[in-house]
Amino acid sequence: MKLFGKNHIIISVITFVILFLMNYIGNDLPDKLQRALLTAFAGVVGLSIGLFILNKGKDDKNPPQKFD
């Protein structure tokens, strides 16, 4: 999956909505909107970093020598 491609944007939006709703609906504190937004944003950033690390070595032409 290409980072910031069409599929990445769709998965990021779905992740943001799910995390936001889980935190907004299940929270009774007065600052529930801010907490839900920060948690959802942090989830999307973590997802993007994970996908970047996962796809970093995908097209590597020079694997490490003597791996075993």
Protein backbone atom coordinates (compact mmCIF):
# COMPACT_ATOMS: atom_id res chain seq x y z
CA MET A 1 0.00 0.00 0.00
CA LYS A 2 1.43 3.35 -1.03
CA LEU A 3 1.82 5.84 1.79
CA PHE A 4 -0.70 8.69 1.38
CA GLY A 5 -2.28 6.92 -1.57
CA LYS A 6 -5.98 6.32 -2.05
CA ASN A 7 -6.09 3.19 0.12
CA HIS A 8 -4.08 4.82 2.91
CA ILE A 9 -6.45 7.80 3.03
CA ILE A 10 -9.51 5.52 3.19
CA ILE A 11 -8.05 3.38 5.98
CA SER A 12 -6.97 6.51 7.88
CA VAL A 13 -10.47 8.00 7.71
CA ILE A 14 -12.07 4.74 8.87
CA THR A 15 -9.55 4.47 11.73
CA PHE A 16 -10.17 8.09 12.75
CA VAL A 17 -13.95 7.66 12.78
CA ILE A 18 -13.86 4.41 14.77
CA LEU A 19 -11.41 5.74 17.38
CA PHE A 20 -13.27 9.04 17.67
CA LEU A 21 -16.66 7.40 18.19
CA MET A 22 -15.30 4.86 20.67
CA ASN A 23 -13.79 7.63 22.79
CA TYR A 24 -16.59 10.17 22.41
CA ILE A 25 -19.51 7.87 23.16
CA GLY A 26 -17.87 6.01 26.03
CA ASN A 27 -16.59 9.07 27.90
CA ASP A 28 -18.51 11.06 30.55
CA LEU A 29 -15.83 13.64 31.33
CA PRO A 30 -16.39 17.31 30.40
CA ASP A 31 -13.48 17.36 27.92
CA LYS A 32 -14.60 14.31 25.96
CA LEU A 33 -14.45 16.06 22.57
CA GLN A 34 -10.80 17.07 22.98
CA ARG A 35 -9.81 13.64 24.27
CA ALA A 36 -11.61 11.88 21.44
CA LEU A 37 -10.02 14.10 18.78
CA LEU A 38 -6.50 13.70 20.20
CA THR A 39 -6.84 9.94 20.57
CA ALA A 40 -8.19 9.54 17.03
CA PHE A 41 -5.47 11.77 15.59
CA ALA A 42 -2.77 9.86 17.50
CA GLY A 43 -4.19 6.59 16.16
CA VAL A 44 -3.98 7.81 12.57
CA VAL A 45 -0.41 9.08 13.09
CA GLY A 46 0.59 5.72 14.60
CA LEU A 47 -1.02 3.89 11.69
CA SER A 48 0.88 6.05 9.19
CA ILE A 49 4.20 5.51 10.96
CA GLY A 50 3.58 1.76 11.07
CA LEU A 51 2.75 1.63 7.37
CA PHE A 52 5.83 3.69 6.57
CA ILE A 53 8.06 1.27 8.47
CA LEU A 54 6.31 -1.73 6.94
CA ASN A 55 6.70 -0.45 3.37
CA LYS A 56 10.22 0.92 3.84
CA GLY A 57 12.01 -2.29 2.92
CA LYS A 58 9.39 -3.67 0.56
CA ASP A 59 11.24 -2.84 -2.68
CA ASP A 60 14.76 -3.23 -1.32
CA LYS A 61 17.09 -4.48 -4.05
CA ASN A 62 20.03 -4.97 -1.68
CA PRO A 63 19.12 -7.22 1.25
CA PRO A 64 21.60 -7.46 4.12
CA GLN A 65 24.53 -9.78 3.46
CA LYS A 66 25.03 -12.89 5.62
CA PHE A 67 21.63 -12.54 7.24
CA ASP A 68 21.78 -15.85 9.13
